[in-house]
Amino acid sequence: MNIFRNREKSTQLVTRGRFEIEREGSVASLEYALAGPILELIHTEVPESMRGTGAGSSLVESALQWAREHKVKIDVVCPFVAEYLSKHPEYADLLLR
């Protein structure tokens, strides 16, 4: 007996990518995954030569502004993003949890 007969299969499209900032040949990035209305912020990588320049914060702010413009919620995996959000409560409405 097939109890799943006539059931539609669910599909979920996940897009992976990264926000980037390039300065003098070095690239800082924030990796993400977008699945439906949720933008998962996974990992921030800032080269040594770019640390202390605000590059990481600029990446996070760009991602948060993109999320707001596209009306998606964010799921934070990256500790750097979590720390940024703790200092910027104006983005609290974007948090999934």
PDB file of N, CA and C in Angstrom:
ATOM      1  N   MET A   1       0.839  -1.180   0.000  1.00  0.00           N
ATOM      2  CA  MET A   1       0.000   0.000   0.000  1.00  0.00           C
ATOM      3  C   MET A   1       0.889   1.250   0.000  1.00  0.00           C
ATOM      4  N   ASN A   2       0.619   2.144  -0.897  1.00  0.00           N
ATOM      5  CA  ASN A   2       1.399   3.377  -0.990  1.00  0.00           C
ATOM      6  C   ASN A   2       0.590   4.535  -0.410  1.00  0.00           C
ATOM      7  N   ILE A   3       0.917   4.930   0.807  1.00  0.00           N
ATOM      8  CA  ILE A   3       0.154   5.996   1.462  1.00  0.00           C
ATOM      9  C   ILE A   3       0.525   7.385   0.946  1.00  0.00           C
ATOM     10  N   PHE A   4       1.596   7.490   0.164  1.00  0.00           N
ATOM     11  CA  PHE A   4       2.024   8.787  -0.346  1.00  0.00           C
ATOM     12  C   PHE A   4       1.562   9.036  -1.778  1.00  0.00           C
ATOM     13  N   ARG A   5       0.717   8.172  -2.278  1.00  0.00           N
ATOM     14  CA  ARG A   5       0.214   8.316  -3.639  1.00  0.00           C
ATOM     15  C   ARG A   5      -0.517   9.651  -3.785  1.00  0.00           C
ATOM     16  N   ASN A   6      -0.341  10.287  -4.923  1.00  0.00           N
ATOM     17  CA  ASN A   6      -1.007  11.534  -5.260  1.00  0.00           C
ATOM     18  C   ASN A   6      -0.542  12.728  -4.415  1.00  0.00           C
ATOM     19  N   ARG A   7       0.592  12.604  -3.818  1.00  0.00           N
ATOM     20  CA  ARG A   7       1.130  13.740  -3.056  1.00  0.00           C
ATOM     21  C   ARG A   7       2.163  14.456  -3.902  1.00  0.00           C
ATOM     22  N   GLU A   8       2.106  15.767  -3.893  1.00  0.00           N
ATOM     23  CA  GLU A   8       3.089  16.540  -4.636  1.00  0.00           C
ATOM     24  C   GLU A   8       4.399  16.560  -3.859  1.00  0.00           C
ATOM     25  N   LYS A   9       5.480  16.537  -4.580  1.00  0.00           N
ATOM     26  CA  LYS A   9       6.787  16.612  -3.943  1.00  0.00           C
ATOM     27  C   LYS A   9       7.130  18.077  -3.700  1.00  0.00           C
ATOM     28  N   SER A  10       7.675  18.341  -2.550  1.00  0.00           N
ATOM     29  CA  SER A  10       8.090  19.686  -2.196  1.00  0.00           C
ATOM     30  C   SER A  10       9.516  19.926  -2.690  1.00  0.00           C
ATOM     31  N   THR A  11       9.746  21.095  -3.214  1.00  0.00           N
ATOM     32  CA  THR A  11      11.109  21.464  -3.603  1.00  0.00           C
ATOM     33  C   THR A  11      11.471  22.760  -2.909  1.00  0.00           C
ATOM     34  N   GLN A  12      12.714  22.892  -2.557  1.00  0.00           N
ATOM     35  CA  GLN A  12      13.208  24.087  -1.903  1.00  0.00           C
ATOM     36  C   GLN A  12      14.433  24.562  -2.656  1.00  0.00           C
ATOM     37  N   LEU A  13      14.380  25.746  -3.188  1.00  0.00           N
ATOM     38  CA  LEU A  13      15.501  26.310  -3.905  1.00  0.00           C
ATOM     39  C   LEU A  13      16.373  27.081  -2.922  1.00  0.00           C
ATOM     40  N   VAL A  14      17.636  26.717  -2.861  1.00  0.00           N
ATOM     41  CA  VAL A  14      18.584  27.403  -1.989  1.00  0.00           C
ATOM     42  C   VAL A  14      19.657  28.036  -2.869  1.00  0.00           C
ATOM     43  N   THR A  15      19.849  29.323  -2.692  1.00  0.00           N
ATOM     44  CA  THR A  15      20.882  30.048  -3.423  1.00  0.00           C
ATOM     45  C   THR A  15      22.001  30.370  -2.450  1.00  0.00           C
ATOM     46  N   ARG A  16      23.208  30.040  -2.845  1.00  0.00           N
ATOM     47  CA  ARG A  16      24.373  30.345  -2.011  1.00  0.00           C
ATOM     48  C   ARG A  16      25.220  31.389  -2.720  1.00  0.00           C
ATOM     49  N   GLY A  17      25.842  32.242  -1.922  1.00  0.00           N
ATOM     50  CA  GLY A  17      26.695  33.275  -2.502  1.00  0.00           C
ATOM     51  C   GLY A  17      27.447  34.010  -1.418  1.00  0.00           C
ATOM     52  N   ARG A  18      27.955  35.180  -1.786  1.00  0.00           N
ATOM     53  CA  ARG A  18      28.651  35.978  -0.787  1.00  0.00           C
ATOM     54  C   ARG A  18      28.665  37.441  -1.186  1.00  0.00           C
ATOM     55  N   PHE A  19      28.621  38.276  -0.161  1.00  0.00           N
ATOM     56  CA  PHE A  19      28.832  39.706  -0.329  1.00  0.00           C
ATOM     57  C   PHE A  19      30.341  39.896  -0.272  1.00  0.00           C
ATOM     58  N   GLU A  20      30.879  40.806  -1.082  1.00  0.00           N
ATOM     59  CA  GLU A  20      32.332  41.004  -1.129  1.00  0.00           C
ATOM     60  C   GLU A  20      32.708  42.482  -1.129  1.00  0.00           C
ATOM     61  N   ILE A  21      33.873  42.744  -0.548  1.00  0.00           N
ATOM     62  CA  ILE A  21      34.518  44.055  -0.638  1.00  0.00           C
ATOM     63  C   ILE A  21      35.960  43.784  -1.042  1.00  0.00           C
ATOM     64  N   GLU A  22      36.416  44.456  -2.090  1.00  0.00           N
ATOM     65  CA  GLU A  22      37.798  44.300  -2.569  1.00  0.00           C
ATOM     66  C   GLU A  22      38.547  45.610  -2.356  1.00  0.00           C
ATOM     67  N   ARG A  23      39.724  45.488  -1.762  1.00  0.00           N
ATOM     68  CA  ARG A  23      40.601  46.649  -1.551  1.00  0.00           C
ATOM     69  C   ARG A  23      42.040  46.231  -1.802  1.00  0.00           C
ATOM     70  N   GLU A  24      42.659  46.888  -2.739  1.00  0.00           N
ATOM     71  CA  GLU A  24      44.075  46.672  -3.042  1.00  0.00           C
ATOM     72  C   GLU A  24      44.429  45.192  -3.202  1.00  0.00           C
ATOM     73  N   GLY A  25      43.598  44.474  -3.919  1.00  0.00           N
ATOM     74  CA  GLY A  25      43.876  43.071  -4.207  1.00  0.00           C
ATOM     75  C   GLY A  25      43.418  42.079  -3.151  1.00  0.00           C
ATOM     76  N   SER A  26      42.933  42.550  -2.013  1.00  0.00           N
ATOM     77  CA  SER A  26      42.419  41.663  -0.966  1.00  0.00           C
ATOM     78  C   SER A  26      40.895  41.692  -0.997  1.00  0.00           C
ATOM     79  N   VAL A  27      40.290  40.558  -0.658  1.00  0.00           N
ATOM     80  CA  VAL A  27      38.833  40.454  -0.696  1.00  0.00           C
ATOM     81  C   VAL A  27      38.308  39.979   0.649  1.00  0.00           C
ATOM     82  N   ALA A  28      37.395  40.756   1.230  1.00  0.00           N
ATOM     83  CA  ALA A  28      36.667  40.354   2.433  1.00  0.00           C
ATOM     84  C   ALA A  28      35.300  39.865   1.970  1.00  0.00           C
ATOM     85  N   SER A  29      34.755  38.872   2.668  1.00  0.00           N
ATOM     86  CA  SER A  29      33.478  38.321   2.208  1.00  0.00           C
ATOM     87  C   SER A  29      32.588  37.880   3.367  1.00  0.00           C
ATOM     88  N   LEU A  30      31.304  37.849   3.069  1.00  0.00           N
ATOM     89  CA  LEU A  30      30.295  37.333   3.992  1.00  0.00           C
ATOM     90  C   LEU A  30      29.482  36.312   3.204  1.00  0.00           C
ATOM     91  N   GLU A  31      29.616  35.036   3.571  1.00  0.00           N
ATOM     92  CA  GLU A  31      28.906  33.956   2.892  1.00  0.00           C
ATOM     93  C   GLU A  31      27.461  33.889   3.375  1.00  0.00           C
ATOM     94  N   TYR A  32      26.559  33.577   2.434  1.00  0.00           N
ATOM     95  CA  TYR A  32      25.157  33.463   2.782  1.00  0.00           C
ATOM     96  C   TYR A  32      24.494  32.314   2.017  1.00  0.00           C
ATOM     97  N   ALA A  33      23.324  31.946   2.505  1.00  0.00           N
ATOM     98  CA  ALA A  33      22.428  31.037   1.792  1.00  0.00           C
ATOM     99  C   ALA A  33      21.043  31.663   1.863  1.00  0.00           C
ATOM    100  N   LEU A  34      20.362  31.711   0.737  1.00  0.00           N
ATOM    101  CA  LEU A  34      19.018  32.270   0.675  1.00  0.00           C
ATOM    102  C   LEU A  34      18.053  31.152   0.310  1.00  0.00           C
ATOM    103  N   ALA A  35      17.119  30.887   1.196  1.00  0.00           N
ATOM    104  CA  ALA A  35      16.102  29.861   0.967  1.00  0.00           C
ATOM    105  C   ALA A  35      14.737  30.486   1.224  1.00  0.00           C
ATOM    106  N   GLY A  36      14.033  30.769   0.154  1.00  0.00           N
ATOM    107  CA  GLY A  36      12.724  31.413   0.298  1.00  0.00           C
ATOM    108  C   GLY A  36      12.872  32.756   0.978  1.00  0.00           C
ATOM    109  N   PRO A  37      12.125  32.978   2.061  1.00  0.00           N
ATOM    110  CA  PRO A  37      12.162  34.277   2.736  1.00  0.00           C
ATOM    111  C   PRO A  37      13.213  34.379   3.844  1.00  0.00           C
ATOM    112  N   ILE A  38      14.220  33.493   3.810  1.00  0.00           N
ATOM    113  CA  ILE A  38      15.222  33.486   4.886  1.00  0.00           C
ATOM    114  C   ILE A  38      16.628  33.589   4.312  1.00  0.00           C
ATOM    115  N   LEU A  39      17.357  34.590   4.801  1.00  0.00           N
ATOM    116  CA  LEU A  39      18.754  34.796   4.428  1.00  0.00           C
ATOM    117  C   LEU A  39      19.611  34.345   5.603  1.00  0.00           C
ATOM    118  N   GLU A  40      20.352  33.263   5.404  1.00  0.00           N
ATOM    119  CA  GLU A  40      21.221  32.735   6.444  1.00  0.00           C
ATOM    120  C   GLU A  40      22.615  33.336   6.263  1.00  0.00           C
ATOM    121  N   LEU A  41      23.096  34.048   7.283  1.00  0.00           N
ATOM    122  CA  LEU A  41      24.421  34.675   7.239  1.00  0.00           C
ATOM    123  C   LEU A  41      25.388  33.731   7.933  1.00  0.00           C
ATOM    124  N   ILE A  42      26.267  33.125   7.126  1.00  0.00           N
ATOM    125  CA  ILE A  42      27.023  31.952   7.560  1.00  0.00           C
ATOM    126  C   ILE A  42      28.415  32.256   8.098  1.00  0.00           C
ATOM    127  N   HIS A  43      29.213  33.004   7.343  1.00  0.00           N
ATOM    128  CA  HIS A  43      30.619  33.173   7.730  1.00  0.00           C
ATOM    129  C   HIS A  43      31.188  34.460   7.142  1.00  0.00           C
ATOM    130  N   THR A  44      31.881  35.205   7.985  1.00  0.00           N
ATOM    131  CA  THR A  44      32.577  36.417   7.538  1.00  0.00           C
ATOM    132  C   THR A  44      34.065  36.136   7.527  1.00  0.00           C
ATOM    133  N   GLU A  45      34.715  36.493   6.445  1.00  0.00           N
ATOM    134  CA  GLU A  45      36.168  36.316   6.296  1.00  0.00           C
ATOM    135  C   GLU A  45      36.773  37.659   5.902  1.00  0.00           C
ATOM    136  N   VAL A  46      37.675  38.145   6.752  1.00  0.00           N
ATOM    137  CA  VAL A  46      38.351  39.421   6.481  1.00  0.00           C
ATOM    138  C   VAL A  46      39.857  39.171   6.530  1.00  0.00           C
ATOM    139  N   PRO A  47      40.552  39.417   5.413  1.00  0.00           N
ATOM    140  CA  PRO A  47      42.003  39.218   5.406  1.00  0.00           C
ATOM    141  C   PRO A  47      42.696  40.123   6.427  1.00  0.00           C
ATOM    142  N   GLU A  48      43.823  39.675   6.898  1.00  0.00           N
ATOM    143  CA  GLU A  48      44.598  40.428   7.887  1.00  0.00           C
ATOM    144  C   GLU A  48      44.801  41.877   7.457  1.00  0.00           C
ATOM    145  N   SER A  49      45.101  42.090   6.191  1.00  0.00           N
ATOM    146  CA  SER A  49      45.383  43.444   5.689  1.00  0.00           C
ATOM    147  C   SER A  49      44.165  44.365   5.738  1.00  0.00           C
ATOM    148  N   MET A  50      42.970  43.798   5.894  1.00  0.00           N
ATOM    149  CA  MET A  50      41.755  44.608   5.916  1.00  0.00           C
ATOM    150  C   MET A  50      41.129  44.704   7.304  1.00  0.00           C
ATOM    151  N   ARG A  51      41.693  44.001   8.273  1.00  0.00           N
ATOM    152  CA  ARG A  51      41.127  44.037   9.620  1.00  0.00           C
ATOM    153  C   ARG A  51      41.314  45.412  10.236  1.00  0.00           C
ATOM    154  N   GLY A  52      40.291  45.831  10.976  1.00  0.00           N
ATOM    155  CA  GLY A  52      40.341  47.141  11.618  1.00  0.00           C
ATOM    156  C   GLY A  52      39.952  48.293  10.701  1.00  0.00           C
ATOM    157  N   THR A  53      39.535  47.978   9.484  1.00  0.00           N
ATOM    158  CA  THR A  53      39.163  49.032   8.531  1.00  0.00           C
ATOM    159  C   THR A  53      37.651  49.210   8.425  1.00  0.00           C
ATOM    160  N   GLY A  54      36.901  48.378   9.103  1.00  0.00           N
ATOM    161  CA  GLY A  54      35.447  48.448   9.015  1.00  0.00           C
ATOM    162  C   GLY A  54      34.876  47.613   7.880  1.00  0.00           C
ATOM    163  N   ALA A  55      35.721  46.851   7.208  1.00  0.00           N
ATOM    164  CA  ALA A  55      35.261  46.041   6.077  1.00  0.00           C
ATOM    165  C   ALA A  55      34.219  45.007   6.517  1.00  0.00           C
ATOM    166  N   GLY A  56      34.457  44.331   7.622  1.00  0.00           N
ATOM    167  CA  GLY A  56      33.508  43.328   8.107  1.00  0.00           C
ATOM    168  C   GLY A  56      32.162  43.946   8.435  1.00  0.00           C
ATOM    169  N   SER A  57      32.181  45.070   9.120  1.00  0.00           N
ATOM    170  CA  SER A  57      30.930  45.758   9.457  1.00  0.00           C
ATOM    171  C   SER A  57      30.199  46.224   8.205  1.00  0.00           C
ATOM    172  N   SER A  58      30.941  46.688   7.218  1.00  0.00           N
ATOM    173  CA  SER A  58      30.330  47.119   5.954  1.00  0.00           C
ATOM    174  C   SER A  58      29.648  45.950   5.254  1.00  0.00           C
ATOM    175  N   LEU A  59      30.277  44.786   5.291  1.00  0.00           N
ATOM    176  CA  LEU A  59      29.668  43.596   4.702  1.00  0.00           C
ATOM    177  C   LEU A  59      28.352  43.248   5.390  1.00  0.00           C
ATOM    178  N   VAL A  60      28.374  43.256   6.715  1.00  0.00           N
ATOM    179  CA  VAL A  60      27.166  42.912   7.477  1.00  0.00           C
ATOM    180  C   VAL A  60      26.064  43.930   7.206  1.00  0.00           C
ATOM    181  N   GLU A  61      26.412  45.195   7.231  1.00  0.00           N
ATOM    182  CA  GLU A  61      25.404  46.231   6.981  1.00  0.00           C
ATOM    183  C   GLU A  61      24.803  46.089   5.580  1.00  0.00           C
ATOM    184  N   SER A  62      25.630  45.780   4.598  1.00  0.00           N
ATOM    185  CA  SER A  62      25.129  45.579   3.235  1.00  0.00           C
ATOM    186  C   SER A  62      24.143  44.413   3.185  1.00  0.00           C
ATOM    187  N   ALA A  63      24.480  43.324   3.862  1.00  0.00           N
ATOM    188  CA  ALA A  63      23.595  42.158   3.887  1.00  0.00           C
ATOM    189  C   ALA A  63      22.271  42.486   4.578  1.00  0.00           C
ATOM    190  N   LEU A  64      22.341  43.221   5.675  1.00  0.00           N
ATOM    191  CA  LEU A  64      21.128  43.567   6.415  1.00  0.00           C
ATOM    192  C   LEU A  64      20.252  44.526   5.617  1.00  0.00           C
ATOM    193  N   GLN A  65      20.862  45.470   4.944  1.00  0.00           N
ATOM    194  CA  GLN A  65      20.091  46.385   4.105  1.00  0.00           C
ATOM    195  C   GLN A  65      19.438  45.630   2.949  1.00  0.00           C
ATOM    196  N   TRP A  66      20.171  44.677   2.364  1.00  0.00           N
ATOM    197  CA  TRP A  66      19.606  43.860   1.286  1.00  0.00           C
ATOM    198  C   TRP A  66      18.401  43.080   1.804  1.00  0.00           C
ATOM    199  N   ALA A  67      18.550  42.491   2.991  1.00  0.00           N
ATOM    200  CA  ALA A  67      17.449  41.721   3.589  1.00  0.00           C
ATOM    201  C   ALA A  67      16.220  42.602   3.798  1.00  0.00           C
ATOM    202  N   ARG A  68      16.427  43.793   4.301  1.00  0.00           N
ATOM    203  CA  ARG A  68      15.298  44.706   4.537  1.00  0.00           C
ATOM    204  C   ARG A  68      14.625  45.087   3.212  1.00  0.00           C
ATOM    205  N   GLU A  69      15.414  45.435   2.223  1.00  0.00           N
ATOM    206  CA  GLU A  69      14.868  45.830   0.921  1.00  0.00           C
ATOM    207  C   GLU A  69      14.075  44.707   0.260  1.00  0.00           C
ATOM    208  N   HIS A  70      14.503  43.468   0.475  1.00  0.00           N
ATOM    209  CA  HIS A  70      13.857  42.321  -0.161  1.00  0.00           C
ATOM    210  C   HIS A  70      12.875  41.597   0.759  1.00  0.00           C
ATOM    211  N   LYS A  71      12.618  42.206   1.933  1.00  0.00           N
ATOM    212  CA  LYS A  71      11.623  41.696   2.885  1.00  0.00           C
ATOM    213  C   LYS A  71      11.845  40.230   3.267  1.00  0.00           C
ATOM    214  N   VAL A  72      13.102  39.920   3.614  1.00  0.00           N
ATOM    215  CA  VAL A  72      13.422  38.584   4.105  1.00  0.00           C
ATOM    216  C   VAL A  72      13.924  38.674   5.538  1.00  0.00           C
ATOM    217  N   LYS A  73      13.803  37.596   6.270  1.00  0.00           N
ATOM    218  CA  LYS A  73      14.319  37.512   7.635  1.00  0.00           C
ATOM    219  C   LYS A  73      15.732  36.942   7.576  1.00  0.00           C
ATOM    220  N   ILE A  74      16.503  37.183   8.623  1.00  0.00           N
ATOM    221  CA  ILE A  74      17.861  36.654   8.659  1.00  0.00           C
ATOM    222  C   ILE A  74      18.004  35.619   9.769  1.00  0.00           C
ATOM    223  N   ASP A  75      18.779  34.606   9.452  1.00  0.00           N
ATOM    224  CA  ASP A  75      19.153  33.567  10.404  1.00  0.00           C
ATOM    225  C   ASP A  75      20.662  33.691  10.575  1.00  0.00           C
ATOM    226  N   VAL A  76      21.103  33.988  11.768  1.00  0.00           N
ATOM    227  CA  VAL A  76      22.516  34.284  12.015  1.00  0.00           C
ATOM    228  C   VAL A  76      23.258  33.042  12.488  1.00  0.00           C
ATOM    229  N   VAL A  77      24.273  32.657  11.726  1.00  0.00           N
ATOM    230  CA  VAL A  77      25.164  31.568  12.094  1.00  0.00           C
ATOM    231  C   VAL A  77      26.521  32.140  12.490  1.00  0.00           C
ATOM    232  N   CYS A  78      26.940  33.193  11.827  1.00  0.00           N
ATOM    233  CA  CYS A  78      28.260  33.798  12.006  1.00  0.00           C
ATOM    234  C   CYS A  78      28.351  34.600  13.303  1.00  0.00           C
ATOM    235  N   PRO A  79      29.342  34.319  14.144  1.00  0.00           N
ATOM    236  CA  PRO A  79      29.516  35.064  15.399  1.00  0.00           C
ATOM    237  C   PRO A  79      29.782  36.553  15.174  1.00  0.00           C
ATOM    238  N   PHE A  80      30.483  36.901  14.100  1.00  0.00           N
ATOM    239  CA  PHE A  80      30.757  38.313  13.826  1.00  0.00           C
ATOM    240  C   PHE A  80      29.453  39.065  13.546  1.00  0.00           C
ATOM    241  N   VAL A  81      28.562  38.451  12.789  1.00  0.00           N
ATOM    242  CA  VAL A  81      27.263  39.070  12.498  1.00  0.00           C
ATOM    243  C   VAL A  81      26.459  39.205  13.786  1.00  0.00           C
ATOM    244  N   ALA A  82      26.482  38.173  14.627  1.00  0.00           N
ATOM    245  CA  ALA A  82      25.759  38.217  15.904  1.00  0.00           C
ATOM    246  C   ALA A  82      26.266  39.364  16.770  1.00  0.00           C
ATOM    247  N   GLU A  83      27.577  39.542  16.812  1.00  0.00           N
ATOM    248  CA  GLU A  83      28.152  40.638  17.599  1.00  0.00           C
ATOM    249  C   GLU A  83      27.727  41.995  17.029  1.00  0.00           C
ATOM    250  N   TYR A  84      27.750  42.125  15.707  1.00  0.00           N
ATOM    251  CA  TYR A  84      27.324  43.362  15.060  1.00  0.00           C
ATOM    252  C   TYR A  84      25.876  43.682  15.439  1.00  0.00           C
ATOM    253  N   LEU A  85      25.029  42.682  15.379  1.00  0.00           N
ATOM    254  CA  LEU A  85      23.615  42.892  15.700  1.00  0.00           C
ATOM    255  C   LEU A  85      23.394  43.279  17.158  1.00  0.00           C
ATOM    256  N   SER A  86      24.239  42.783  18.046  1.00  0.00           N
ATOM    257  CA  SER A  86      24.101  43.143  19.463  1.00  0.00           C
ATOM    258  C   SER A  86      24.372  44.628  19.701  1.00  0.00           C
ATOM    259  N   LYS A  87      25.112  45.240  18.779  1.00  0.00           N
ATOM    260  CA  LYS A  87      25.438  46.666  18.878  1.00  0.00           C
ATOM    261  C   LYS A  87      24.537  47.543  18.005  1.00  0.00           C
ATOM    262  N   HIS A  88      23.683  46.915  17.209  1.00  0.00           N
ATOM    263  CA  HIS A  88      22.820  47.648  16.278  1.00  0.00           C
ATOM    264  C   HIS A  88      21.383  47.133  16.366  1.00  0.00           C
ATOM    265  N   PRO A  89      20.673  47.515  17.432  1.00  0.00           N
ATOM    266  CA  PRO A  89      19.305  47.019  17.634  1.00  0.00           C
ATOM    267  C   PRO A  89      18.319  47.468  16.550  1.00  0.00           C
ATOM    268  N   GLU A  90      18.700  48.422  15.733  1.00  0.00           N
ATOM    269  CA  GLU A  90      17.800  48.874  14.668  1.00  0.00           C
ATOM    270  C   GLU A  90      17.525  47.791  13.628  1.00  0.00           C
ATOM    271  N   TYR A  91      18.315  46.696  13.668  1.00  0.00           N
ATOM    272  CA  TYR A  91      18.096  45.589  12.742  1.00  0.00           C
ATOM    273  C   TYR A  91      17.397  44.398  13.405  1.00  0.00           C
ATOM    274  N   ALA A  92      16.991  44.537  14.654  1.00  0.00           N
ATOM    275  CA  ALA A  92      16.377  43.419  15.402  1.00  0.00           C
ATOM    276  C   ALA A  92      15.128  42.868  14.726  1.00  0.00           C
ATOM    277  N   ASP A  93      14.399  43.710  14.014  1.00  0.00           N
ATOM    278  CA  ASP A  93      13.177  43.265  13.361  1.00  0.00           C
ATOM    279  C   ASP A  93      13.432  42.269  12.234  1.00  0.00           C
ATOM    280  N   LEU A  94      14.676  42.192  11.774  1.00  0.00           N
ATOM    281  CA  LEU A  94      15.018  41.262  10.691  1.00  0.00           C
ATOM    282  C   LEU A  94      15.314  39.856  11.187  1.00  0.00           C
ATOM    283  N   LEU A  95      15.558  39.718  12.488  1.00  0.00           N
ATOM    284  CA  LEU A  95      15.958  38.418  13.040  1.00  0.00           C
ATOM    285  C   LEU A  95      14.843  37.388  12.965  1.00  0.00           C
ATOM    286  N   LEU A  96      15.209  36.207  12.520  1.00  0.00           N
ATOM    287  CA  LEU A  96      14.275  35.098  12.435  1.00  0.00           C
ATOM    288  C   LEU A  96      13.855  34.661  13.837  1.00  0.00           C
ATOM    289  N   ARG A  97      14.825  34.604  14.737  1.00  0.00           N
ATOM    290  CA  ARG A  97      14.531  34.164  16.104  1.00  0.00           C
ATOM    291  C   ARG A  97      15.033  35.153  17.107  1.00  0.00           C
TER     292      ARG A  97
END
